[in-house]
Amino acid sequence: MAISKDLLLAIHSMDAYNQGYSPGLVHGKSQIGTATISNRSSFYAVAYAWNGDTIMASRRRRTSRRP
């Protein structure tokens, strides 16, 4: 089954958000569809290799705002 690029990118974003510290979902996989996790970083990002490209998905960094 073919999957659209936009849908796969959205799935990568959700997966990156749920990785790292206090993951929301532990699946133990290194591949999502035909995309393979190629690199993880310490700032909640995951690099995927897909169709000859490298795609980076990251969790938005939260900063505290003080008055």
PDB file of N, CA and C in Angstrom:
ATOM      1  N   MET A   1       0.840  -1.167   0.000  1.00  0.00           N
ATOM      2  CA  MET A   1       0.000   0.000   0.000  1.00  0.00           C
ATOM      3  C   MET A   1       0.894   1.241   0.000  1.00  0.00           C
ATOM      4  N   ALA A   2       0.661   2.126  -0.921  1.00  0.00           N
ATOM      5  CA  ALA A   2       1.417   3.379  -0.992  1.00  0.00           C
ATOM      6  C   ALA A   2       0.894   4.349   0.062  1.00  0.00           C
ATOM      7  N   ILE A   3       1.799   5.148   0.580  1.00  0.00           N
ATOM      8  CA  ILE A   3       1.434   6.139   1.586  1.00  0.00           C
ATOM      9  C   ILE A   3       1.893   7.501   1.072  1.00  0.00           C
ATOM     10  N   SER A   4       1.087   8.512   1.290  1.00  0.00           N
ATOM     11  CA  SER A   4       1.454   9.839   0.793  1.00  0.00           C
ATOM     12  C   SER A   4       2.625  10.397   1.599  1.00  0.00           C
ATOM     13  N   LYS A   5       3.409  11.243   0.959  1.00  0.00           N
ATOM     14  CA  LYS A   5       4.560  11.857   1.616  1.00  0.00           C
ATOM     15  C   LYS A   5       4.114  12.669   2.830  1.00  0.00           C
ATOM     16  N   ASP A   6       3.043  13.443   2.694  1.00  0.00           N
ATOM     17  CA  ASP A   6       2.564  14.270   3.805  1.00  0.00           C
ATOM     18  C   ASP A   6       2.155  13.426   5.009  1.00  0.00           C
ATOM     19  N   LEU A   7       1.496  12.302   4.751  1.00  0.00           N
ATOM     20  CA  LEU A   7       1.087  11.438   5.852  1.00  0.00           C
ATOM     21  C   LEU A   7       2.303  10.837   6.542  1.00  0.00           C
ATOM     22  N   LEU A   8       3.282  10.369   5.768  1.00  0.00           N
ATOM     23  CA  LEU A   8       4.472   9.787   6.371  1.00  0.00           C
ATOM     24  C   LEU A   8       5.247  10.827   7.178  1.00  0.00           C
ATOM     25  N   LEU A   9       5.345  12.052   6.678  1.00  0.00           N
ATOM     26  CA  LEU A   9       6.032  13.107   7.426  1.00  0.00           C
ATOM     27  C   LEU A   9       5.304  13.414   8.733  1.00  0.00           C
ATOM     28  N   ALA A  10       3.987  13.381   8.716  1.00  0.00           N
ATOM     29  CA  ALA A  10       3.207  13.595   9.940  1.00  0.00           C
ATOM     30  C   ALA A  10       3.452  12.467  10.939  1.00  0.00           C
ATOM     31  N   ILE A  11       3.532  11.246  10.446  1.00  0.00           N
ATOM     32  CA  ILE A  11       3.814  10.102  11.319  1.00  0.00           C
ATOM     33  C   ILE A  11       5.207  10.237  11.924  1.00  0.00           C
ATOM     34  N   HIS A  12       6.187  10.669  11.115  1.00  0.00           N
ATOM     35  CA  HIS A  12       7.547  10.887  11.637  1.00  0.00           C
ATOM     36  C   HIS A  12       7.531  11.924  12.754  1.00  0.00           C
ATOM     37  N   SER A  13       6.792  13.001  12.554  1.00  0.00           N
ATOM     38  CA  SER A  13       6.718  14.045  13.582  1.00  0.00           C
ATOM     39  C   SER A  13       6.127  13.507  14.873  1.00  0.00           C
ATOM     40  N   MET A  14       5.057  12.743  14.765  1.00  0.00           N
ATOM     41  CA  MET A  14       4.440  12.170  15.965  1.00  0.00           C
ATOM     42  C   MET A  14       5.393  11.200  16.649  1.00  0.00           C
ATOM     43  N   ASP A  15       6.112  10.404  15.859  1.00  0.00           N
ATOM     44  CA  ASP A  15       7.047   9.444  16.433  1.00  0.00           C
ATOM     45  C   ASP A  15       8.192  10.164  17.138  1.00  0.00           C
ATOM     46  N   ALA A  16       8.744  11.211  16.510  1.00  0.00           N
ATOM     47  CA  ALA A  16       9.838  11.967  17.137  1.00  0.00           C
ATOM     48  C   ALA A  16       9.375  12.593  18.446  1.00  0.00           C
ATOM     49  N   TYR A  17       8.153  13.084  18.485  1.00  0.00           N
ATOM     50  CA  TYR A  17       7.622  13.693  19.702  1.00  0.00           C
ATOM     51  C   TYR A  17       7.527  12.671  20.827  1.00  0.00           C
ATOM     52  N   ASN A  18       7.263  11.427  20.482  1.00  0.00           N
ATOM     53  CA  ASN A  18       7.088  10.383  21.483  1.00  0.00           C
ATOM     54  C   ASN A  18       8.363   9.612  21.781  1.00  0.00           C
ATOM     55  N   GLN A  19       9.506  10.090  21.321  1.00  0.00           N
ATOM     56  CA  GLN A  19      10.791   9.459  21.619  1.00  0.00           C
ATOM     57  C   GLN A  19      11.545  10.321  22.614  1.00  0.00           C
ATOM     58  N   GLY A  20      12.711   9.876  23.023  1.00  0.00           N
ATOM     59  CA  GLY A  20      13.533  10.670  23.933  1.00  0.00           C
ATOM     60  C   GLY A  20      13.132  10.448  25.376  1.00  0.00           C
ATOM     61  N   TYR A  21      13.275  11.485  26.187  1.00  0.00           N
ATOM     62  CA  TYR A  21      12.951  11.372  27.606  1.00  0.00           C
ATOM     63  C   TYR A  21      11.443  11.249  27.798  1.00  0.00           C
ATOM     64  N   SER A  22      11.057  10.385  28.698  1.00  0.00           N
ATOM     65  CA  SER A  22       9.641  10.141  28.995  1.00  0.00           C
ATOM     66  C   SER A  22       8.824   9.907  27.729  1.00  0.00           C
ATOM     67  N   PRO A  23       9.166   8.867  26.961  1.00  0.00           N
ATOM     68  CA  PRO A  23       8.449   8.631  25.709  1.00  0.00           C
ATOM     69  C   PRO A  23       6.981   8.307  25.955  1.00  0.00           C
ATOM     70  N   GLY A  24       6.137   8.767  25.050  1.00  0.00           N
ATOM     71  CA  GLY A  24       4.711   8.504  25.148  1.00  0.00           C
ATOM     72  C   GLY A  24       4.350   7.122  24.641  1.00  0.00           C
ATOM     73  N   LEU A  25       5.201   6.563  23.790  1.00  0.00           N
ATOM     74  CA  LEU A  25       4.950   5.256  23.200  1.00  0.00           C
ATOM     75  C   LEU A  25       6.288   4.579  22.984  1.00  0.00           C
ATOM     76  N   VAL A  26       6.476   3.423  23.578  1.00  0.00           N
ATOM     77  CA  VAL A  26       7.716   2.674  23.399  1.00  0.00           C
ATOM     78  C   VAL A  26       7.418   1.532  22.443  1.00  0.00           C
ATOM     79  N   HIS A  27       7.972   1.610  21.227  1.00  0.00           N
ATOM     80  CA  HIS A  27       7.693   0.562  20.253  1.00  0.00           C
ATOM     81  C   HIS A  27       8.929  -0.250  19.899  1.00  0.00           C
ATOM     82  N   GLY A  28      10.123   0.218  20.236  1.00  0.00           N
ATOM     83  CA  GLY A  28      11.340  -0.548  20.006  1.00  0.00           C
ATOM     84  C   GLY A  28      11.681  -0.786  18.551  1.00  0.00           C
ATOM     85  N   LYS A  29      11.070  -0.049  17.656  1.00  0.00           N
ATOM     86  CA  LYS A  29      11.305  -0.234  16.224  1.00  0.00           C
ATOM     87  C   LYS A  29      12.315   0.787  15.718  1.00  0.00           C
ATOM     88  N   SER A  30      13.018   0.427  14.653  1.00  0.00           N
ATOM     89  CA  SER A  30      13.939   1.368  14.017  1.00  0.00           C
ATOM     90  C   SER A  30      13.475   1.701  12.604  1.00  0.00           C
ATOM     91  N   GLN A  31      12.263   1.270  12.272  1.00  0.00           N
ATOM     92  CA  GLN A  31      11.727   1.528  10.939  1.00  0.00           C
ATOM     93  C   GLN A  31      10.238   1.817  11.035  1.00  0.00           C
ATOM     94  N   ILE A  32       9.791   2.801  10.260  1.00  0.00           N
ATOM     95  CA  ILE A  32       8.367   3.116  10.144  1.00  0.00           C
ATOM     96  C   ILE A  32       8.051   3.076   8.661  1.00  0.00           C
ATOM     97  N   GLY A  33       7.247   2.120   8.247  1.00  0.00           N
ATOM     98  CA  GLY A  33       6.999   1.932   6.817  1.00  0.00           C
ATOM     99  C   GLY A  33       8.311   1.612   6.137  1.00  0.00           C
ATOM    100  N   THR A  34       8.637   2.355   5.105  1.00  0.00           N
ATOM    101  CA  THR A  34       9.906   2.145   4.408  1.00  0.00           C
ATOM    102  C   THR A  34      10.985   3.106   4.890  1.00  0.00           C
ATOM    103  N   ALA A  35      10.681   3.944   5.886  1.00  0.00           N
ATOM    104  CA  ALA A  35      11.654   4.894   6.438  1.00  0.00           C
ATOM    105  C   ALA A  35      12.373   4.250   7.618  1.00  0.00           C
ATOM    106  N   THR A  36      13.687   4.428   7.666  1.00  0.00           N
ATOM    107  CA  THR A  36      14.508   3.853   8.719  1.00  0.00           C
ATOM    108  C   THR A  36      15.135   4.960   9.550  1.00  0.00           C
ATOM    109  N   ILE A  37      15.068   4.821  10.869  1.00  0.00           N
ATOM    110  CA  ILE A  37      15.721   5.804  11.733  1.00  0.00           C
ATOM    111  C   ILE A  37      17.218   5.698  11.506  1.00  0.00           C
ATOM    112  N   SER A  38      17.836   6.806  11.122  1.00  0.00           N
ATOM    113  CA  SER A  38      19.268   6.778  10.837  1.00  0.00           C
ATOM    114  C   SER A  38      20.093   7.502  11.891  1.00  0.00           C
ATOM    115  N   ASN A  39      19.461   8.347  12.694  1.00  0.00           N
ATOM    116  CA  ASN A  39      20.206   9.073  13.712  1.00  0.00           C
ATOM    117  C   ASN A  39      19.237   9.644  14.736  1.00  0.00           C
ATOM    118  N   ARG A  40      19.637   9.619  15.981  1.00  0.00           N
ATOM    119  CA  ARG A  40      18.868  10.246  17.055  1.00  0.00           C
ATOM    120  C   ARG A  40      19.737  11.343  17.652  1.00  0.00           C
ATOM    121  N   SER A  41      19.134  12.307  18.260  1.00  0.00           N
ATOM    122  CA  SER A  41      19.917  13.382  18.871  1.00  0.00           C
ATOM    123  C   SER A  41      19.450  13.599  20.298  1.00  0.00           C
ATOM    124  N   SER A  42      20.143  14.456  20.998  1.00  0.00           N
ATOM    125  CA  SER A  42      19.795  14.701  22.395  1.00  0.00           C
ATOM    126  C   SER A  42      18.744  15.789  22.554  1.00  0.00           C
ATOM    127  N   PHE A  43      18.266  16.380  21.447  1.00  0.00           N
ATOM    128  CA  PHE A  43      17.248  17.420  21.584  1.00  0.00           C
ATOM    129  C   PHE A  43      15.928  16.998  20.957  1.00  0.00           C
ATOM    130  N   TYR A  44      15.555  15.742  21.167  1.00  0.00           N
ATOM    131  CA  TYR A  44      14.275  15.215  20.725  1.00  0.00           C
ATOM    132  C   TYR A  44      14.089  15.303  19.216  1.00  0.00           C
ATOM    133  N   ALA A  45      15.065  14.848  18.490  1.00  0.00           N
ATOM    134  CA  ALA A  45      14.952  14.807  17.036  1.00  0.00           C
ATOM    135  C   ALA A  45      15.342  13.421  16.553  1.00  0.00           C
ATOM    136  N   VAL A  46      14.785  13.038  15.444  1.00  0.00           N
ATOM    137  CA  VAL A  46      15.114  11.765  14.820  1.00  0.00           C
ATOM    138  C   VAL A  46      15.323  12.030  13.341  1.00  0.00           C
ATOM    139  N   ALA A  47      16.380  11.459  12.775  1.00  0.00           N
ATOM    140  CA  ALA A  47      16.609  11.557  11.334  1.00  0.00           C
ATOM    141  C   ALA A  47      16.201  10.230  10.709  1.00  0.00           C
ATOM    142  N   TYR A  48      15.404  10.291   9.652  1.00  0.00           N
ATOM    143  CA  TYR A  48      14.942   9.109   8.942  1.00  0.00           C
ATOM    144  C   TYR A  48      15.549   9.093   7.546  1.00  0.00           C
ATOM    145  N   ALA A  49      15.920   7.918   7.068  1.00  0.00           N
ATOM    146  CA  ALA A  49      16.334   7.754   5.678  1.00  0.00           C
ATOM    147  C   ALA A  49      15.112   7.237   4.929  1.00  0.00           C
ATOM    148  N   TRP A  50      14.695   7.961   3.892  1.00  0.00           N
ATOM    149  CA  TRP A  50      13.495   7.577   3.149  1.00  0.00           C
ATOM    150  C   TRP A  50      13.627   7.994   1.697  1.00  0.00           C
ATOM    151  N   ASN A  51      13.481   7.052   0.803  1.00  0.00           N
ATOM    152  CA  ASN A  51      13.537   7.302  -0.645  1.00  0.00           C
ATOM    153  C   ASN A  51      14.779   8.088  -1.056  1.00  0.00           C
ATOM    154  N   GLY A  52      15.907   7.779  -0.451  1.00  0.00           N
ATOM    155  CA  GLY A  52      17.153   8.447  -0.800  1.00  0.00           C
ATOM    156  C   GLY A  52      17.352   9.806  -0.159  1.00  0.00           C
ATOM    157  N   ASP A  53      16.408  10.258   0.652  1.00  0.00           N
ATOM    158  CA  ASP A  53      16.508  11.551   1.332  1.00  0.00           C
ATOM    159  C   ASP A  53      16.677  11.337   2.834  1.00  0.00           C
ATOM    160  N   THR A  54      17.178  12.338   3.513  1.00  0.00           N
ATOM    161  CA  THR A  54      17.215  12.338   4.971  1.00  0.00           C
ATOM    162  C   THR A  54      16.173  13.331   5.452  1.00  0.00           C
ATOM    163  N   ILE A  55      15.285  12.860   6.316  1.00  0.00           N
ATOM    164  CA  ILE A  55      14.197  13.679   6.838  1.00  0.00           C
ATOM    165  C   ILE A  55      14.389  13.798   8.340  1.00  0.00           C
ATOM    166  N   MET A  56      14.366  15.007   8.850  1.00  0.00           N
ATOM    167  CA  MET A  56      14.516  15.221  10.283  1.00  0.00           C
ATOM    168  C   MET A  56      13.183  15.635  10.888  1.00  0.00           C
ATOM    169  N   ALA A  57      12.805  14.946  11.942  1.00  0.00           N
ATOM    170  CA  ALA A  57      11.594  15.295  12.683  1.00  0.00           C
ATOM    171  C   ALA A  57      12.026  15.577  14.111  1.00  0.00           C
ATOM    172  N   SER A  58      11.495  16.645  14.690  1.00  0.00           N
ATOM    173  CA  SER A  58      11.935  16.996  16.035  1.00  0.00           C
ATOM    174  C   SER A  58      10.770  17.416  16.916  1.00  0.00           C
ATOM    175  N   ARG A  59      10.998  17.240  18.200  1.00  0.00           N
ATOM    176  CA  ARG A  59      10.050  17.700  19.199  1.00  0.00           C
ATOM    177  C   ARG A  59      10.361  19.165  19.466  1.00  0.00           C
ATOM    178  N   ARG A  60       9.340  19.978  19.488  1.00  0.00           N
ATOM    179  CA  ARG A  60       9.558  21.404  19.745  1.00  0.00           C
ATOM    180  C   ARG A  60      10.137  21.607  21.136  1.00  0.00           C
ATOM    181  N   ARG A  61      11.116  22.433  21.217  1.00  0.00           N
ATOM    182  CA  ARG A  61      11.751  22.712  22.496  1.00  0.00           C
ATOM    183  C   ARG A  61      10.906  23.710  23.276  1.00  0.00           C
ATOM    184  N   ARG A  62      10.611  23.366  24.500  1.00  0.00           N
ATOM    185  CA  ARG A  62       9.807  24.252  25.342  1.00  0.00           C
ATOM    186  C   ARG A  62      10.730  25.109  26.193  1.00  0.00           C
ATOM    187  N   THR A  63      10.433  26.346  26.246  1.00  0.00           N
ATOM    188  CA  THR A  63      11.197  27.243  27.111  1.00  0.00           C
ATOM    189  C   THR A  63      10.239  27.855  28.117  1.00  0.00           C
ATOM    190  N   SER A  64      10.741  28.095  29.289  1.00  0.00           N
ATOM    191  CA  SER A  64       9.876  28.718  30.293  1.00  0.00           C
ATOM    192  C   SER A  64       9.929  30.225  30.121  1.00  0.00           C
ATOM    193  N   ARG A  65       8.790  30.829  30.238  1.00  0.00           N
ATOM    194  CA  ARG A  65       8.704  32.286  30.139  1.00  0.00           C
ATOM    195  C   ARG A  65       8.465  32.852  31.519  1.00  0.00           C
ATOM    196  N   ARG A  66       9.268  33.796  31.845  1.00  0.00           N
ATOM    197  CA  ARG A  66       9.117  34.437  33.151  1.00  0.00           C
ATOM    198  C   ARG A  66       8.805  35.902  32.951  1.00  0.00           C
ATOM    199  N   PRO A  67       7.931  36.443  33.781  1.00  0.00           N
ATOM    200  CA  PRO A  67       7.586  37.873  33.645  1.00  0.00           C
ATOM    201  C   PRO A  67       8.766  38.777  33.937  1.00  0.00           C
TER     202      PRO A  67
END
